[in-house]
Protein backbone atom coordinates (compact mmCIF):
# COMPACT_ATOMS: atom_id res chain seq x y z
CA MET A 1 0.00 0.00 0.00
CA PHE A 2 2.83 2.35 0.89
CA THR A 3 4.61 1.52 -2.36
CA LEU A 4 1.56 2.28 -4.54
CA THR A 5 0.93 5.56 -2.76
CA THR A 6 4.54 6.69 -3.23
CA ALA A 7 4.47 5.80 -6.92
CA SER A 8 1.23 7.70 -7.36
CA HIS A 9 2.73 10.75 -5.68
CA ARG A 10 5.80 10.58 -7.90
CA LYS A 11 3.66 10.34 -11.00
CA ASN A 12 1.57 13.34 -9.97
CA ALA A 13 4.70 15.35 -9.17
CA PHE A 14 6.20 14.52 -12.56
CA LYS A 15 3.01 15.62 -14.32
CA SER A 16 2.90 18.86 -12.35
CA ALA A 17 6.52 19.62 -13.23
CA PHE A 18 5.89 18.90 -16.90
CA ILE A 19 2.83 21.15 -16.96
CA SER A 20 4.80 23.91 -15.21
CA ILE A 21 7.63 23.68 -17.74
CA LYS A 22 5.17 23.72 -20.61
CA LEU A 23 3.36 26.79 -19.23
CA THR A 24 6.65 28.57 -18.70
CA THR A 25 7.71 27.80 -22.28
CA LEU A 26 4.41 29.08 -23.63
CA ALA A 27 4.70 32.23 -21.54
CA VAL A 28 8.18 32.91 -22.88
CA ILE A 29 6.97 32.41 -26.45
CA PHE A 30 3.97 34.68 -25.84
CA PHE A 31 5.97 37.53 -24.34
CA THR A 32 8.60 37.21 -27.05
CA ILE A 33 5.93 37.52 -29.74
CA SER A 34 4.26 40.38 -27.84
CA GLY A 35 7.56 42.18 -27.44
CA CYS A 36 8.21 41.96 -31.15
CA ALA A 37 4.81 43.44 -31.82
CA LEU A 38 5.23 46.25 -29.27
CA PHE A 39 8.81 47.12 -30.28
CA PRO A 40 9.12 46.58 -34.02
CA ALA A 41 12.57 46.53 -35.51
CA THR A 42 13.97 49.93 -36.69
CA PRO A 43 13.61 50.20 -40.46
CA PRO A 44 16.81 50.77 -42.42
CA PRO A 45 17.59 54.42 -43.31
CA ILE A 46 16.35 55.68 -46.64
CA VAL A 47 19.33 56.32 -48.88
CA PRO A 48 18.64 58.78 -51.73
CA PRO A 49 19.58 57.65 -55.21
CA VAL A 50 23.12 58.39 -56.30
CA GLY A 51 21.90 60.74 -59.03
CA ILE A 52 20.04 62.98 -56.58
CA VAL A 53 23.08 63.24 -54.30
CA ALA A 54 25.35 64.15 -57.21
CA SER A 55 22.88 66.77 -58.44
CA GLN A 56 22.68 68.38 -55.01
CA GLN A 57 26.46 68.47 -54.79
CA ARG A 58 26.66 70.22 -58.20
CA ILE A 59 24.19 72.86 -57.04
CA GLU A 60 26.13 73.45 -53.83
CA ARG A 61 29.42 73.80 -55.72
CA ALA A 62 27.86 76.20 -58.24
CA LEU A 63 26.42 78.42 -55.52
CA ALA A 64 29.75 78.38 -53.67
CA ASN A 65 31.54 79.45 -56.87
CA LEU A 66 29.03 82.23 -57.46
CA ALA A 67 29.42 83.53 -53.91
CA GLU A 68 33.21 83.33 -54.19
CA GLY A 69 33.10 85.21 -57.47
CA LEU A 70 31.12 88.06 -55.92
CA LYS A 71 33.49 88.17 -52.96
CA ARG A 72 36.56 88.32 -55.21
CA TYR A 73 34.91 90.97 -57.39
CA GLU A 74 34.28 93.21 -54.38
CA ALA A 75 37.93 92.72 -53.36
CA GLY A 76 39.14 93.79 -56.82
CA ASN A 77 40.52 90.34 -57.70
CA PHE A 78 38.91 90.39 -61.14
CA GLU A 79 40.68 87.48 -62.83
CA GLU A 80 39.95 85.15 -59.93
CA ALA A 81 36.39 86.44 -59.77
CA LYS A 82 35.90 85.74 -63.48
CA THR A 83 37.17 82.18 -63.02
CA SER A 84 34.67 81.58 -60.21
CA PHE A 85 31.82 83.06 -62.26
CA LEU A 86 32.67 80.85 -65.24
CA LEU A 87 32.73 77.74 -63.05
CA ALA A 88 29.33 78.67 -61.67
CA VAL A 89 27.84 79.38 -65.11
CA ASP A 90 29.29 76.24 -66.69
CA SER A 91 27.75 74.05 -63.97
CA GLY A 92 24.41 74.20 -65.76
CA VAL A 93 22.44 74.24 -62.51
CA LEU A 94 22.07 77.98 -61.74
CA THR A 95 18.68 79.62 -61.91
CA THR A 96 18.08 82.46 -64.37
CA PRO A 97 18.53 85.25 -61.77
CA GLN A 98 21.77 83.63 -60.62
CA LEU A 99 23.01 83.36 -64.21
CA LEU A 100 22.16 87.02 -64.85
CA ASN A 101 24.07 88.04 -61.75
CA ALA A 102 27.16 86.15 -62.92
CA ARG A 103 26.90 87.40 -66.51
CA LYS A 104 26.56 91.07 -65.62
CA HIS A 105 29.52 90.94 -63.22
CA MET A 106 31.65 89.33 -65.91
CA ALA A 107 30.59 92.17 -68.23
CA PHE A 108 31.64 94.70 -65.57
CA ILE A 109 35.03 93.01 -65.27
CA HIS A 110 35.58 93.06 -69.04
CA VAL A 111 34.84 96.80 -69.15
CA LEU A 112 37.24 97.50 -66.29
CA GLN A 113 39.90 95.54 -68.17
CA ASN A 114 39.27 97.48 -71.41
CA ARG A 115 37.69 94.51 -73.21
CA GLU A 116 34.47 96.10 -74.43
CA PRO A 117 33.64 93.44 -77.10
CA SER A 118 33.70 90.75 -74.39
CA ALA A 119 31.54 92.93 -72.16
CA ARG A 120 29.02 93.38 -74.96
CA GLU A 121 28.94 89.62 -75.45
CA GLU A 122 28.13 89.05 -71.78
CA PHE A 123 25.32 91.62 -71.91
CA GLU A 124 23.99 89.94 -75.08
CA LYS A 125 23.93 86.60 -73.25
CA ALA A 126 22.09 88.21 -70.35
CA PHE A 127 19.39 89.58 -72.69
CA ALA A 128 19.14 86.15 -74.34
CA LEU A 129 18.37 84.68 -70.91
CA ASP A 130 15.85 87.38 -70.07
CA PRO A 131 14.68 89.89 -72.72
CA LYS A 132 13.60 92.20 -69.86
CA PHE A 133 17.02 92.12 -68.21
CA GLU A 134 17.78 95.38 -66.39
CA LEU A 135 20.69 96.68 -64.37
CA THR A 136 19.98 98.48 -61.12
CA LEU A 137 19.82 102.28 -61.30
CA ALA A 138 23.29 102.58 -59.79
CA GLU A 139 24.73 99.99 -62.17
CA ALA A 140 23.07 101.47 -65.28
CA GLY A 141 24.38 104.91 -64.34
CA HIS A 142 27.97 103.73 -63.96
CA PRO A 143 30.22 105.78 -66.27
CA ALA A 144 32.30 102.79 -67.37
CA TRP A 145 29.82 100.04 -68.24
CA GLY A 146 26.55 102.00 -68.28
CA PRO A 147 27.03 103.23 -71.89
CA VAL A 148 27.98 99.73 -73.06
CA TYR A 149 24.89 98.24 -71.47
CA ARG A 150 22.60 100.91 -72.95
CA GLN A 151 24.09 100.47 -76.40
CA VAL A 152 23.57 96.70 -76.35
CA LYS A 153 20.03 97.17 -75.07
CA ALA A 154 19.24 99.67 -77.84
CA GLU A 155 20.66 97.44 -80.55
CA ILE A 156 18.62 94.48 -79.33
CA GLU A 157 15.49 96.62 -79.36
CA LEU A 158 16.28 97.71 -82.90
CA ARG A 159 16.59 94.11 -84.02
CA ARG A 160 13.24 93.30 -82.43
CA THR A 161 11.45 96.17 -84.17
CA GLY A 162 13.18 95.61 -87.52
CA MET A 163 14.61 99.13 -87.68
CA THR A 164 16.85 99.91 -90.65
CA SER A 165 20.61 99.57 -90.45
CA SER A 166 21.06 103.33 -90.98
CA ALA A 167 18.95 104.06 -87.91
CA ALA A 168 20.88 101.46 -85.96
CA SER A 169 24.15 103.07 -87.05
CA PHE A 170 22.91 106.50 -85.94
CA ILE A 171 21.94 105.22 -82.48
CA LYS A 172 25.24 103.38 -82.15
CA GLN A 173 27.12 106.59 -82.88
CA ALA A 174 25.02 108.43 -80.32
CA PHE A 175 25.94 105.89 -77.66
CA THR A 176 29.59 105.80 -78.62
CA LYS A 177 30.22 109.56 -78.89
CA GLN A 178 33.59 110.59 -77.58
CA PRO A 179 33.43 111.72 -73.94
CA SER A 180 34.80 115.07 -72.88
CA LEU A 181 38.14 115.41 -71.14
CA SER A 182 36.48 115.64 -67.73
CA GLU A 183 34.25 112.63 -68.51
CA ARG A 184 37.25 110.53 -69.51
CA ALA A 185 39.09 111.53 -66.35
CA PHE A 186 36.05 110.69 -64.24
CA ASN A 187 35.67 107.31 -65.95
CA GLU A 188 39.32 106.57 -65.29
CA GLY A 189 38.85 107.60 -61.68
CA MET A 190 35.86 105.28 -61.31
CA MET A 191 37.82 102.40 -62.79
CA ALA A 192 40.57 102.98 -60.21
CA TYR A 193 37.91 103.31 -57.49
CA ASP A 194 36.19 100.05 -58.48
CA ALA A 195 39.57 98.33 -58.56
CA GLY A 196 40.23 99.43 -54.97
CA ASP A 197 43.04 101.87 -55.95
CA TYR A 198 41.60 104.79 -53.99
CA GLY A 199 44.79 106.83 -54.04
CA GLN A 200 44.84 106.82 -57.85
CA ALA A 201 41.11 107.57 -57.92
CA ILE A 202 41.69 110.65 -55.76
CA LYS A 203 44.44 111.88 -58.10
CA LEU A 204 42.15 111.57 -61.10
CA PHE A 205 39.14 113.16 -59.40
CA THR A 206 41.13 116.08 -58.00
CA ARG A 207 42.74 116.61 -61.41
CA ILE A 208 39.25 117.26 -62.78
CA GLU A 209 38.68 119.79 -60.00
CA LYS A 210 41.89 121.61 -60.82
CA ASP A 211 41.65 121.48 -64.61
CA ALA A 212 37.94 121.78 -65.36
CA LEU A 213 35.93 123.03 -62.41
CA PRO A 214 33.84 125.01 -61.92
CA ALA A 215 33.04 126.65 -65.26
CA SER A 216 32.91 123.74 -67.71
CA VAL A 217 31.23 121.04 -65.60
CA PRO A 218 27.49 121.11 -64.76
CA LEU A 219 26.50 121.20 -61.09
CA PRO A 220 25.30 117.53 -60.91
CA GLU A 221 28.62 116.40 -62.39
CA ARG A 222 30.60 118.52 -59.96
CA ILE A 223 28.66 117.08 -57.02
CA LYS A 224 29.27 113.55 -58.31
CA ILE A 225 33.02 114.20 -58.52
CA TYR A 226 33.18 115.68 -55.02
CA LYS A 227 31.16 112.76 -53.64
CA GLN A 228 33.40 110.08 -55.14
CA THR A 229 36.47 111.98 -53.93
CA ALA A 230 34.98 112.06 -50.42
CA PHE A 231 34.26 108.33 -50.52
CA SER A 232 37.83 107.64 -51.62
CA TYR A 233 39.33 109.72 -48.82
CA CYS A 234 37.14 108.02 -46.21
CA LEU A 235 38.13 104.58 -47.49
CA ILE A 236 41.80 105.36 -46.88
CA LYS A 237 40.99 106.77 -43.40
CA GLN A 238 41.54 110.43 -44.37
CA ARG A 239 38.40 111.56 -42.56
CA SER A 240 39.21 115.29 -42.43
CA LEU A 241 39.77 115.43 -46.20
CA CYS A 242 36.65 113.32 -46.72
CA ARG A 243 34.64 115.81 -44.66
CA ALA A 244 36.11 118.71 -46.64
CA GLU A 245 34.85 117.19 -49.90
CA PHE A 246 31.38 116.74 -48.41
CA GLY A 247 31.58 120.39 -47.31
CA LYS A 248 32.14 121.46 -50.93
CA ILE A 249 28.96 119.64 -51.93
CA LEU A 250 26.88 121.16 -49.14
CA LYS A 251 28.07 124.67 -49.98
CA LEU A 252 26.92 124.16 -53.56
CA GLN A 253 23.66 122.41 -52.54
CA PRO A 254 22.79 122.71 -48.83
CA THR A 255 19.85 120.29 -49.18
CA PHE A 256 22.03 117.53 -50.65
CA GLU A 257 21.51 114.05 -49.18
CA LEU A 258 23.31 110.78 -49.80
CA GLU A 259 21.36 107.82 -51.13
CA PRO A 260 20.01 105.56 -48.32
CA ALA A 261 22.57 102.86 -49.07
CA GLU A 262 25.36 105.45 -49.13
CA ALA A 263 24.22 107.20 -45.96
CA GLY A 264 24.46 103.99 -43.97
CA HIS A 265 27.98 103.18 -45.11
CA PRO A 266 30.29 102.61 -42.09
CA SER A 267 33.23 104.44 -43.68
CA TRP A 268 31.63 107.77 -44.55
CA GLY A 269 28.07 107.89 -43.15
CA ALA A 270 29.05 109.55 -39.86
CA VAL A 271 31.53 111.86 -41.63
CA PHE A 272 28.79 113.19 -43.90
CA LEU A 273 26.52 113.80 -40.91
CA GLY A 274 29.34 115.73 -39.28
CA ALA A 275 29.70 117.89 -42.38
CA GLN A 276 25.95 118.55 -42.37
CA THR A 277 26.03 119.53 -38.70
CA ALA A 278 28.93 121.92 -39.27
CA LEU A 279 27.05 123.59 -42.12
CA LYS A 280 23.88 124.03 -40.07
CA ARG A 281 25.64 125.80 -37.21
CA THR A 282 24.50 129.41 -36.88
CA PRO A 283 26.68 132.29 -35.64
CA SER A 284 24.93 132.07 -32.24
CA ASP A 285 26.08 128.48 -31.95
CA ALA A 286 29.72 129.46 -32.32
CA PRO A 287 31.67 130.13 -29.10
CA LYS A 288 31.65 133.81 -28.19
CA ALA A 289 34.90 135.65 -27.81
CA ASN A 290 35.92 136.61 -24.31
CA PRO A 291 35.92 140.45 -24.03
CA SER A 292 38.91 140.30 -21.73
CA GLN A 293 40.94 138.74 -24.52
CA LYS A 294 40.40 141.69 -26.86
CA LYS A 295 43.34 143.98 -27.32
């Protein structure tokens, strides 16, 4: 009896252990499956196609070349600037406004380097990109490349309207009339100014003052010469001479004001304000003489 009871107990214990192991195994499987459902595996990163990556890199390089070209142009490094502009243009990924910006600056460089035919070609390419292409007011009024731009623009308009060759020749002559001595000197001064040679620009501008002013030069031209001379002096830290040139302008035209962009320039904005303040001082503002100092 004892033996049968012990065997029965052993059998029941074995069954209980087996059931417990089975339940544990099922629980592990369940939680493993549940865990996979709750925490799905991280999907692999999306890698853009090689062509898209290469295209984006070309755009970035082109924009970097364009920016570098503008920077070198402002610094007067024209050959290096032209190289950067050409790299940007030849990339084939610039937008039309970006292409126009590069083309017109290459035209400016050609003019400053006395290569007018190349400048005309760049302006022609700009008009081919955009028939309504326009320079800014300041750019169109520049004495060096403004006439070249206007001539190209006029010739293109003549071709569009089918005007006769004789009329085209007449307009071309009007645009290419020989400048006066003072105009040539001013153009040379502006070329030196744009190239960052402010000392040479001052020599050329002051030569106009000595040789031609005041009788033979209209008032707007005289003011323009004095203004550029003032800018040049301020850019080489000759603030007193800069202020003196502004004083000449204000004596001729007391209501004269710089353009907004010019007035905010860090080199000469405050100097011009000082010249205005000095002009506006009345005799009562001046220090009175001490009677005791009179002889």
